């Protein structure tokens, strides 16, 4: 009976020890994880002002091209928020509308973001890591 108890205790100890995280792996960045906060945030070439300028100019151009359709699409009035991921290589991936999902405005914003330049990726523990980003765009039809 004593041997059985020692064997059970040893097994329990090994099972508990196996659940303690390996500190050497604590700094590893998971290939599948997408972070909301990094040590170094992703950066658009030219910085935040260059990103805002790109979005504003692209939206302006697309709105001018699609003003008649946007004016008729009542679901495109308001603020559209789009979420996307900056991948470990700086590519823009997983672009999706959070609000106004089926509106023309949402589709325009999604297309603009998808066609943007690569970013400098963010860093977590000194390694490139995926990061979420969000962009809001507001469109209101002029009152007649």
N, C-alpha and C. Protein backbone atom coordinates (compact mmCIF):
# COMPACT_ATOMS: atom_id res chain seq x y z
N UNK A 1 0.81 -1.19 0.00
CA UNK A 1 0.00 0.00 0.00
C UNK A 1 0.87 1.27 0.00
N UNK A 2 1.98 1.23 0.75
CA UNK A 2 2.89 2.37 0.79
C UNK A 2 3.45 2.67 -0.59
N UNK A 3 3.81 1.62 -1.32
CA UNK A 3 4.37 1.82 -2.67
C UNK A 3 3.33 2.44 -3.59
N UNK A 4 2.07 2.02 -3.43
CA UNK A 4 1.01 2.57 -4.25
C UNK A 4 0.82 4.07 -3.94
N UNK A 5 0.85 4.44 -2.66
CA UNK A 5 0.71 5.84 -2.27
C UNK A 5 1.87 6.68 -2.80
N UNK A 6 3.10 6.16 -2.74
CA UNK A 6 4.27 6.87 -3.25
C UNK A 6 4.13 7.03 -4.76
N UNK A 7 3.66 6.00 -5.45
CA UNK A 7 3.48 6.07 -6.90
C UNK A 7 2.42 7.11 -7.26
N UNK A 8 1.31 7.13 -6.51
CA UNK A 8 0.25 8.10 -6.79
C UNK A 8 0.75 9.52 -6.51
N UNK A 9 1.46 9.72 -5.38
CA UNK A 9 2.00 11.04 -5.05
C UNK A 9 2.99 11.50 -6.12
N UNK A 10 3.85 10.59 -6.58
CA UNK A 10 4.83 10.94 -7.60
C UNK A 10 4.12 11.33 -8.89
N UNK A 11 3.10 10.57 -9.27
CA UNK A 11 2.35 10.88 -10.48
C UNK A 11 1.68 12.25 -10.35
N UNK A 12 1.06 12.51 -9.18
CA UNK A 12 0.39 13.79 -8.95
C UNK A 12 1.40 14.94 -9.02
N UNK A 13 2.55 14.77 -8.41
CA UNK A 13 3.59 15.79 -8.42
C UNK A 13 4.05 16.08 -9.85
N UNK A 14 4.26 15.03 -10.66
CA UNK A 14 4.69 15.21 -12.03
C UNK A 14 3.61 15.89 -12.86
N UNK A 15 2.35 15.54 -12.60
CA UNK A 15 1.25 16.15 -13.35
C UNK A 15 1.15 17.63 -13.02
N UNK A 16 1.31 18.00 -11.75
CA UNK A 16 1.25 19.40 -11.36
C UNK A 16 2.46 20.15 -11.91
N UNK A 17 3.62 19.52 -11.83
CA UNK A 17 4.85 20.18 -12.32
C UNK A 17 4.75 20.42 -13.83
N UNK A 18 4.11 19.53 -14.56
CA UNK A 18 3.99 19.67 -16.00
C UNK A 18 3.13 20.88 -16.37
N UNK A 19 2.31 21.38 -15.44
CA UNK A 19 1.45 22.52 -15.73
C UNK A 19 2.10 23.85 -15.43
N UNK A 20 3.27 23.84 -14.82
CA UNK A 20 3.98 25.09 -14.55
C UNK A 20 4.60 25.56 -15.85
N UNK A 21 4.34 26.81 -16.25
CA UNK A 21 4.88 27.28 -17.53
C UNK A 21 6.39 27.33 -17.53
N UNK A 22 6.94 26.99 -18.67
CA UNK A 22 8.39 27.04 -18.86
C UNK A 22 8.77 28.49 -19.08
N UNK A 23 9.58 29.05 -18.19
CA UNK A 23 9.92 30.47 -18.27
C UNK A 23 10.70 30.79 -19.54
N UNK A 24 11.36 29.80 -20.12
CA UNK A 24 12.09 30.07 -21.36
C UNK A 24 11.13 30.30 -22.53
N UNK A 25 9.89 29.83 -22.40
CA UNK A 25 8.90 30.01 -23.46
C UNK A 25 7.99 31.20 -23.19
N UNK A 26 8.13 31.83 -22.03
CA UNK A 26 7.26 32.94 -21.68
C UNK A 26 7.42 34.12 -22.62
N UNK A 27 8.57 34.29 -23.22
CA UNK A 27 8.81 35.42 -24.11
C UNK A 27 8.55 35.11 -25.58
N UNK A 28 8.15 33.87 -25.88
CA UNK A 28 7.87 33.51 -27.27
C UNK A 28 6.57 34.13 -27.72
N UNK A 29 6.52 34.52 -28.97
CA UNK A 29 5.32 35.09 -29.57
C UNK A 29 4.63 33.99 -30.36
N UNK A 30 3.38 33.75 -30.06
CA UNK A 30 2.62 32.72 -30.74
C UNK A 30 2.32 33.17 -32.17
N UNK A 31 2.45 32.24 -33.10
CA UNK A 31 2.19 32.55 -34.52
C UNK A 31 0.72 32.87 -34.74
N UNK A 32 -0.17 32.31 -33.90
CA UNK A 32 -1.61 32.48 -34.09
C UNK A 32 -2.19 33.65 -33.29
N UNK A 33 -1.47 34.13 -32.29
CA UNK A 33 -2.00 35.19 -31.43
C UNK A 33 -2.04 36.53 -32.15
N UNK A 34 -3.11 37.27 -31.89
CA UNK A 34 -3.24 38.63 -32.40
C UNK A 34 -3.38 39.53 -31.17
N UNK A 35 -2.51 40.50 -31.07
CA UNK A 35 -2.43 41.33 -29.87
C UNK A 35 -3.13 42.67 -30.05
N UNK A 36 -3.63 43.19 -28.94
CA UNK A 36 -4.20 44.54 -28.95
C UNK A 36 -3.19 45.54 -28.43
N UNK A 37 -2.19 45.08 -27.71
CA UNK A 37 -1.14 45.94 -27.15
C UNK A 37 0.20 45.24 -27.33
N UNK A 38 1.15 45.96 -27.92
CA UNK A 38 2.48 45.41 -28.15
C UNK A 38 3.52 46.31 -27.48
N UNK A 39 4.74 45.80 -27.39
CA UNK A 39 5.84 46.61 -26.86
C UNK A 39 6.14 47.76 -27.82
N UNK A 40 6.14 47.45 -29.11
CA UNK A 40 6.31 48.46 -30.17
C UNK A 40 5.13 48.27 -31.12
N UNK A 41 4.32 49.31 -31.25
CA UNK A 41 3.12 49.23 -32.08
C UNK A 41 3.48 49.25 -33.56
N UNK A 42 2.62 48.63 -34.42
CA UNK A 42 2.84 48.71 -35.87
C UNK A 42 2.84 50.16 -36.31
N UNK A 43 3.56 50.45 -37.38
CA UNK A 43 3.70 51.82 -37.83
C UNK A 43 3.53 51.87 -39.35
N UNK A 44 2.63 52.73 -39.80
CA UNK A 44 2.44 52.95 -41.23
C UNK A 44 3.63 53.77 -41.74
N UNK A 45 4.12 53.50 -42.97
CA UNK A 45 5.24 54.30 -43.50
C UNK A 45 4.89 55.80 -43.47
N UNK A 46 5.68 56.57 -42.79
CA UNK A 46 5.41 58.00 -42.65
C UNK A 46 4.67 58.34 -41.38
N UNK A 47 4.25 57.32 -40.62
CA UNK A 47 3.61 57.55 -39.33
C UNK A 47 2.11 57.70 -39.39
N UNK A 48 1.56 58.04 -38.25
CA UNK A 48 0.10 58.17 -38.08
C UNK A 48 -0.49 59.23 -39.00
N UNK A 49 0.21 60.35 -39.16
CA UNK A 49 -0.33 61.41 -40.02
C UNK A 49 -0.38 60.96 -41.49
N UNK A 50 0.60 60.17 -41.91
CA UNK A 50 0.59 59.65 -43.29
C UNK A 50 -0.56 58.66 -43.47
N UNK A 51 -0.84 57.83 -42.46
CA UNK A 51 -1.97 56.90 -42.53
C UNK A 51 -3.29 57.68 -42.63
N UNK A 52 -3.45 58.68 -41.77
CA UNK A 52 -4.68 59.48 -41.80
C UNK A 52 -4.85 60.18 -43.15
N UNK A 53 -3.77 60.70 -43.69
CA UNK A 53 -3.81 61.36 -44.99
C UNK A 53 -4.21 60.36 -46.08
N UNK A 54 -3.63 59.16 -46.05
CA UNK A 54 -3.97 58.12 -47.03
C UNK A 54 -5.46 57.79 -46.96
N UNK A 55 -5.96 57.56 -45.75
CA UNK A 55 -7.38 57.20 -45.60
C UNK A 55 -8.27 58.35 -46.06
N UNK A 56 -7.96 59.57 -45.64
CA UNK A 56 -8.78 60.72 -46.02
C UNK A 56 -8.80 60.94 -47.53
N UNK A 57 -7.64 60.89 -48.17
CA UNK A 57 -7.58 61.10 -49.62
C UNK A 57 -8.31 59.98 -50.36
N UNK A 58 -8.11 58.75 -49.92
CA UNK A 58 -8.76 57.61 -50.58
C UNK A 58 -10.27 57.67 -50.42
N UNK A 59 -10.72 57.99 -49.21
CA UNK A 59 -12.16 58.11 -48.97
C UNK A 59 -12.74 59.24 -49.82
N UNK A 60 -12.07 60.36 -49.83
CA UNK A 60 -12.54 61.51 -50.62
C UNK A 60 -12.69 61.10 -52.09
N UNK A 61 -11.68 60.46 -52.65
CA UNK A 61 -11.72 60.04 -54.06
C UNK A 61 -12.84 59.03 -54.30
N UNK A 62 -12.98 58.04 -53.40
CA UNK A 62 -14.01 57.02 -53.57
C UNK A 62 -15.41 57.59 -53.38
N UNK A 63 -15.54 58.53 -52.46
CA UNK A 63 -16.86 59.15 -52.25
C UNK A 63 -17.26 59.95 -53.48
N UNK A 64 -16.31 60.69 -54.05
CA UNK A 64 -16.63 61.44 -55.27
C UNK A 64 -17.07 60.52 -56.40
N UNK A 65 -16.39 59.37 -56.53
CA UNK A 65 -16.75 58.41 -57.59
C UNK A 65 -18.11 57.77 -57.34
N UNK A 66 -18.48 57.64 -56.07
CA UNK A 66 -19.69 56.89 -55.71
C UNK A 66 -20.74 57.75 -55.00
N UNK A 67 -20.68 59.07 -55.17
CA UNK A 67 -21.55 59.96 -54.42
C UNK A 67 -23.03 59.67 -54.66
N UNK A 68 -23.41 59.36 -55.90
CA UNK A 68 -24.82 59.08 -56.18
C UNK A 68 -25.28 57.82 -55.46
N UNK A 69 -24.46 56.77 -55.52
CA UNK A 69 -24.81 55.52 -54.85
C UNK A 69 -24.84 55.70 -53.33
N UNK A 70 -23.86 56.42 -52.80
CA UNK A 70 -23.81 56.65 -51.35
C UNK A 70 -25.00 57.47 -50.88
N UNK A 71 -25.38 58.46 -51.66
CA UNK A 71 -26.51 59.31 -51.29
C UNK A 71 -27.82 58.52 -51.24
N UNK A 72 -27.95 57.55 -52.13
CA UNK A 72 -29.16 56.72 -52.17
C UNK A 72 -29.14 55.61 -51.13
N UNK A 73 -27.95 55.21 -50.69
CA UNK A 73 -27.81 54.13 -49.72
C UNK A 73 -27.92 54.70 -48.31
N UNK A 74 -29.13 54.70 -47.76
CA UNK A 74 -29.37 55.28 -46.43
C UNK A 74 -28.56 54.57 -45.35
N UNK A 75 -28.18 53.32 -45.57
CA UNK A 75 -27.39 52.59 -44.56
C UNK A 75 -25.94 53.05 -44.54
N UNK A 76 -25.55 53.92 -45.48
CA UNK A 76 -24.18 54.43 -45.51
C UNK A 76 -24.02 55.75 -44.77
N UNK A 77 -25.09 56.26 -44.18
CA UNK A 77 -25.01 57.47 -43.37
C UNK A 77 -24.60 57.11 -41.96
N UNK A 78 -23.51 57.72 -41.48
CA UNK A 78 -23.07 57.46 -40.12
C UNK A 78 -21.58 57.15 -40.07
N UNK A 79 -21.19 56.53 -38.97
CA UNK A 79 -19.78 56.21 -38.77
C UNK A 79 -19.57 54.71 -38.92
N UNK A 80 -18.71 54.37 -39.83
CA UNK A 80 -18.35 52.97 -40.07
C UNK A 80 -17.01 52.70 -39.37
N UNK A 81 -16.98 51.63 -38.59
CA UNK A 81 -15.73 51.23 -37.94
C UNK A 81 -15.27 49.90 -38.53
N UNK A 82 -14.02 49.89 -38.98
CA UNK A 82 -13.45 48.70 -39.61
C UNK A 82 -12.27 48.22 -38.76
N UNK A 83 -12.23 46.93 -38.54
CA UNK A 83 -11.12 46.31 -37.81
C UNK A 83 -10.25 45.54 -38.79
N UNK A 84 -8.94 45.58 -38.57
CA UNK A 84 -8.03 44.83 -39.42
C UNK A 84 -6.83 44.40 -38.60
N UNK A 85 -6.02 43.55 -39.19
CA UNK A 85 -4.84 43.02 -38.51
C UNK A 85 -3.60 43.38 -39.32
N UNK A 86 -2.58 43.86 -38.63
CA UNK A 86 -1.27 44.03 -39.26
C UNK A 86 -0.51 42.75 -38.96
N UNK A 87 -0.20 42.00 -40.01
CA UNK A 87 0.47 40.70 -39.86
C UNK A 87 1.94 40.89 -39.47
N UNK A 88 2.58 39.80 -39.16
CA UNK A 88 3.99 39.84 -38.72
C UNK A 88 4.92 40.36 -39.79
N UNK A 89 4.50 40.32 -41.06
CA UNK A 89 5.34 40.86 -42.14
C UNK A 89 4.89 42.26 -42.56
N UNK A 90 3.91 42.83 -41.86
CA UNK A 90 3.43 44.17 -42.15
C UNK A 90 2.23 44.21 -43.09
N UNK A 91 1.82 43.07 -43.61
CA UNK A 91 0.65 43.01 -44.50
C UNK A 91 -0.63 43.31 -43.73
N UNK A 92 -1.60 43.86 -44.43
CA UNK A 92 -2.92 44.11 -43.85
C UNK A 92 -3.78 42.89 -44.18
N UNK A 93 -4.33 42.26 -43.13
CA UNK A 93 -5.15 41.06 -43.30
C UNK A 93 -6.42 41.17 -42.46
N UNK A 94 -7.35 40.26 -42.70
CA UNK A 94 -8.57 40.12 -41.90
C UNK A 94 -9.32 41.44 -41.74
N UNK A 95 -9.56 42.12 -42.83
CA UNK A 95 -10.27 43.41 -42.79
C UNK A 95 -11.76 43.14 -42.75
N UNK A 96 -12.44 43.71 -41.73
CA UNK A 96 -13.89 43.50 -41.63
C UNK A 96 -14.56 44.71 -40.98
N UNK A 97 -15.78 44.95 -41.41
CA UNK A 97 -16.56 46.04 -40.83
C UNK A 97 -17.11 45.58 -39.48
N UNK A 98 -16.97 46.44 -38.48
CA UNK A 98 -17.53 46.17 -37.16
C UNK A 98 -18.93 46.78 -37.09
N UNK A 99 -19.09 47.94 -37.71
CA UNK A 99 -20.41 48.59 -37.78
C UNK A 99 -20.77 48.80 -39.25
N UNK A 100 -22.05 48.99 -39.50
CA UNK A 100 -22.55 49.26 -40.86
C UNK A 100 -22.11 48.17 -41.85
N UNK A 101 -22.15 46.92 -41.42
CA UNK A 101 -21.56 45.80 -42.16
C UNK A 101 -21.95 45.67 -43.63
N UNK A 102 -23.19 45.92 -43.96
CA UNK A 102 -23.63 45.69 -45.34
C UNK A 102 -23.80 46.97 -46.14
N UNK A 103 -23.22 48.05 -45.67
CA UNK A 103 -23.38 49.32 -46.36
C UNK A 103 -22.30 49.51 -47.43
N UNK A 104 -22.59 50.38 -48.36
CA UNK A 104 -21.61 50.73 -49.39
C UNK A 104 -20.40 51.41 -48.75
N UNK A 105 -20.64 52.25 -47.74
CA UNK A 105 -19.53 52.91 -47.05
C UNK A 105 -18.58 51.89 -46.44
N UNK A 106 -19.12 50.86 -45.80
CA UNK A 106 -18.27 49.82 -45.20
C UNK A 106 -17.42 49.15 -46.27
N UNK A 107 -18.01 48.86 -47.42
CA UNK A 107 -17.25 48.20 -48.49
C UNK A 107 -16.15 49.11 -49.03
N UNK A 108 -16.45 50.41 -49.15
CA UNK A 108 -15.42 51.35 -49.61
C UNK A 108 -14.25 51.42 -48.63
N UNK A 109 -14.56 51.50 -47.34
CA UNK A 109 -13.50 51.58 -46.33
C UNK A 109 -12.69 50.30 -46.29
N UNK A 110 -13.35 49.16 -46.38
CA UNK A 110 -12.64 47.86 -46.40
C UNK A 110 -11.68 47.82 -47.59
N UNK A 111 -12.16 48.21 -48.76
CA UNK A 111 -11.30 48.19 -49.95
C UNK A 111 -10.10 49.13 -49.81
N UNK A 112 -10.33 50.31 -49.26
CA UNK A 112 -9.25 51.27 -49.06
C UNK A 112 -8.18 50.70 -48.13
N UNK A 113 -8.62 50.11 -47.04
CA UNK A 113 -7.65 49.55 -46.07
C UNK A 113 -6.91 48.37 -46.68
N UNK A 114 -7.63 47.49 -47.38
CA UNK A 114 -6.98 46.33 -48.01
C UNK A 114 -5.91 46.76 -49.01
N UNK A 115 -6.12 47.88 -49.67
CA UNK A 115 -5.19 48.35 -50.70
C UNK A 115 -4.08 49.24 -50.15
N UNK A 116 -4.03 49.41 -48.86
CA UNK A 116 -3.00 50.24 -48.25
C UNK A 116 -1.63 49.58 -48.31
N UNK A 117 -0.60 50.41 -48.12
CA UNK A 117 0.78 49.90 -48.10
C UNK A 117 1.01 48.97 -46.91
N UNK A 118 2.08 48.19 -47.02
CA UNK A 118 2.50 47.38 -45.88
C UNK A 118 2.94 48.31 -44.76
N UNK A 119 2.72 47.86 -43.54
CA UNK A 119 3.14 48.59 -42.36
C UNK A 119 4.46 48.00 -41.85
N UNK A 120 5.10 48.75 -40.98
CA UNK A 120 6.22 48.16 -40.23
C UNK A 120 5.54 47.40 -39.10
N UNK A 121 5.77 46.08 -38.99
CA UNK A 121 5.04 45.30 -37.99
C UNK A 121 5.40 45.70 -36.56
N UNK A 122 4.48 45.39 -35.66
CA UNK A 122 4.72 45.63 -34.25
C UNK A 122 5.62 44.55 -33.67
N UNK A 123 6.13 44.82 -32.47
CA UNK A 123 7.03 43.88 -31.80
C UNK A 123 6.50 43.53 -30.42
N UNK A 124 6.61 42.26 -30.09
CA UNK A 124 6.29 41.75 -28.76
C UNK A 124 7.50 40.93 -28.33
N UNK A 125 8.11 41.33 -27.23
CA UNK A 125 9.32 40.65 -26.74
C UNK A 125 10.41 40.62 -27.81
N UNK A 126 10.49 41.69 -28.59
CA UNK A 126 11.53 41.80 -29.61
C UNK A 126 11.25 41.03 -30.89
N UNK A 127 10.09 40.41 -30.99
CA UNK A 127 9.74 39.60 -32.17
C UNK A 127 8.53 40.21 -32.88
N UNK A 128 8.49 40.14 -34.23
CA UNK A 128 7.31 40.63 -34.94
C UNK A 128 6.06 39.88 -34.48
N UNK A 129 4.96 40.62 -34.33
CA UNK A 129 3.72 40.02 -33.85
C UNK A 129 2.53 40.66 -34.56
N UNK A 130 1.45 39.89 -34.69
CA UNK A 130 0.22 40.38 -35.29
C UNK A 130 -0.47 41.32 -34.31
N UNK A 131 -1.12 42.36 -34.86
CA UNK A 131 -1.81 43.32 -34.00
C UNK A 131 -3.10 43.81 -34.64
N UNK A 132 -4.13 43.96 -33.81
CA UNK A 132 -5.39 44.53 -34.26
C UNK A 132 -5.26 46.04 -34.40
N UNK A 133 -5.98 46.59 -35.37
CA UNK A 133 -6.11 48.03 -35.55
C UNK A 133 -7.55 48.31 -35.94
N UNK A 134 -8.02 49.51 -35.66
CA UNK A 134 -9.37 49.92 -36.05
C UNK A 134 -9.31 51.28 -36.72
N UNK A 135 -10.23 51.49 -37.65
CA UNK A 135 -10.33 52.76 -38.35
C UNK A 135 -11.80 53.14 -38.43
N UNK A 136 -12.11 54.39 -38.08
CA UNK A 136 -13.48 54.90 -38.20
C UNK A 136 -13.53 55.91 -39.34
N UNK A 137 -14.64 55.86 -40.08
CA UNK A 137 -14.89 56.83 -41.15
C UNK A 137 -16.36 57.23 -41.06
N UNK A 138 -16.61 58.53 -41.09
CA UNK A 138 -17.98 59.04 -41.00
C UNK A 138 -18.39 59.66 -42.34
N UNK A 139 -19.60 59.33 -42.78
CA UNK A 139 -20.16 59.91 -44.00
C UNK A 139 -21.59 60.35 -43.71
N UNK A 140 -21.89 61.55 -44.10
CA UNK A 140 -23.26 62.08 -43.97
C UNK A 140 -23.65 62.71 -45.30
N UNK A 141 -24.82 62.35 -45.78
CA UNK A 141 -25.30 62.99 -47.01
C UNK A 141 -25.73 64.41 -46.69
N UNK A 142 -25.43 65.32 -47.59
CA UNK A 142 -25.83 66.72 -47.35
C UNK A 142 -27.36 66.84 -47.31
N UNK A 143 -27.83 67.71 -46.45
CA UNK A 143 -29.29 67.95 -46.37
C UNK A 143 -29.73 68.71 -47.62
N UNK A 144 -30.85 68.31 -48.16
CA UNK A 144 -31.33 68.98 -49.39
C UNK A 144 -32.13 70.20 -49.06
